[in-house]
Amino acid sequence: MNSDNGHTGAQGVDGVTIERENPNVSAIILLEGTPVTKDISCTRVHVWVNTNDIIIEIPRIG
């Protein structure tokens, strides 16, 4: 994903848009601070949201 993809600041449900734009990935919605594994997967996009379900980081494949 590009740094100017337009998802930051959007609702966390925008993960559906990510999956529609790239059907080869699964968007995983995560509350900020949630622990995750350090393994890399080219089929996964972490979508970090705050308690208001607003995307707070640029979603990245990994």
Protein backbone atom coordinates (compact mmCIF):
# COMPACT_ATOMS: atom_id res chain seq x y z
CA MET A 1 0.00 0.00 0.00
CA ASN A 2 1.16 3.52 -0.69
CA SER A 3 1.67 6.09 2.02
CA ASP A 4 -0.97 8.27 0.34
CA ASN A 5 -3.61 5.55 0.02
CA GLY A 6 -6.30 7.61 1.76
CA HIS A 7 -7.17 5.07 4.46
CA THR A 8 -5.59 6.84 7.45
CA GLY A 9 -8.34 8.65 9.36
CA ALA A 10 -11.06 6.50 7.81
CA GLN A 11 -13.29 4.11 9.72
CA GLY A 12 -11.79 0.72 10.53
CA VAL A 13 -14.44 -0.95 8.41
CA ASP A 14 -12.48 0.48 5.49
CA GLY A 15 -10.61 -2.83 5.69
CA VAL A 16 -13.31 -4.10 3.33
CA THR A 17 -12.16 -1.51 0.80
CA ILE A 18 -8.58 -2.75 1.14
CA GLU A 19 -9.70 -6.31 0.41
CA ARG A 20 -11.75 -5.13 -2.57
CA GLU A 21 -8.77 -3.16 -3.95
CA ASN A 22 -6.47 -6.16 -3.49
CA PRO A 23 -8.32 -9.49 -3.31
CA ASN A 24 -5.03 -11.27 -2.54
CA VAL A 25 -4.94 -9.88 1.03
CA SER A 26 -7.02 -10.13 4.19
CA ALA A 27 -7.45 -6.96 6.23
CA ILE A 28 -7.04 -7.59 9.96
CA ILE A 29 -8.60 -4.82 12.09
CA LEU A 30 -6.59 -4.35 15.32
CA LEU A 31 -7.09 -2.01 18.25
CA GLU A 32 -3.93 0.05 18.85
CA GLY A 33 -1.68 -1.71 21.34
CA THR A 34 -2.91 -5.20 20.46
CA PRO A 35 0.03 -7.63 20.42
CA VAL A 36 0.70 -9.34 17.09
CA THR A 37 3.17 -11.92 15.86
CA LYS A 38 6.32 -10.67 14.15
CA ASP A 39 6.03 -13.03 11.18
CA ILE A 40 5.56 -11.48 7.74
CA SER A 41 2.70 -12.52 5.47
CA CYS A 42 2.15 -11.05 2.00
CA THR A 43 -1.53 -11.95 2.28
CA ARG A 44 -2.28 -9.93 5.42
CA VAL A 45 -2.79 -6.21 6.03
CA HIS A 46 -2.85 -4.94 9.61
CA VAL A 47 -5.32 -2.08 9.99
CA TRP A 48 -4.62 -0.30 13.30
CA VAL A 49 -7.59 1.59 14.78
CA ASN A 50 -8.17 3.59 17.97
CA THR A 51 -11.09 3.14 20.36
CA ASN A 52 -13.25 5.28 18.03
CA ASP A 53 -12.61 2.79 15.18
CA ILE A 54 -10.55 5.38 13.27
CA ILE A 55 -7.54 4.09 11.31
CA ILE A 56 -4.45 5.59 12.97
CA GLU A 57 -1.60 4.16 10.86
CA ILE A 58 -1.11 3.59 7.18
CA PRO A 59 -2.18 -0.02 6.52
CA ARG A 60 0.78 -2.12 5.38
CA ILE A 61 1.10 -5.60 3.99
CA GLY A 62 2.86 -7.85 6.43
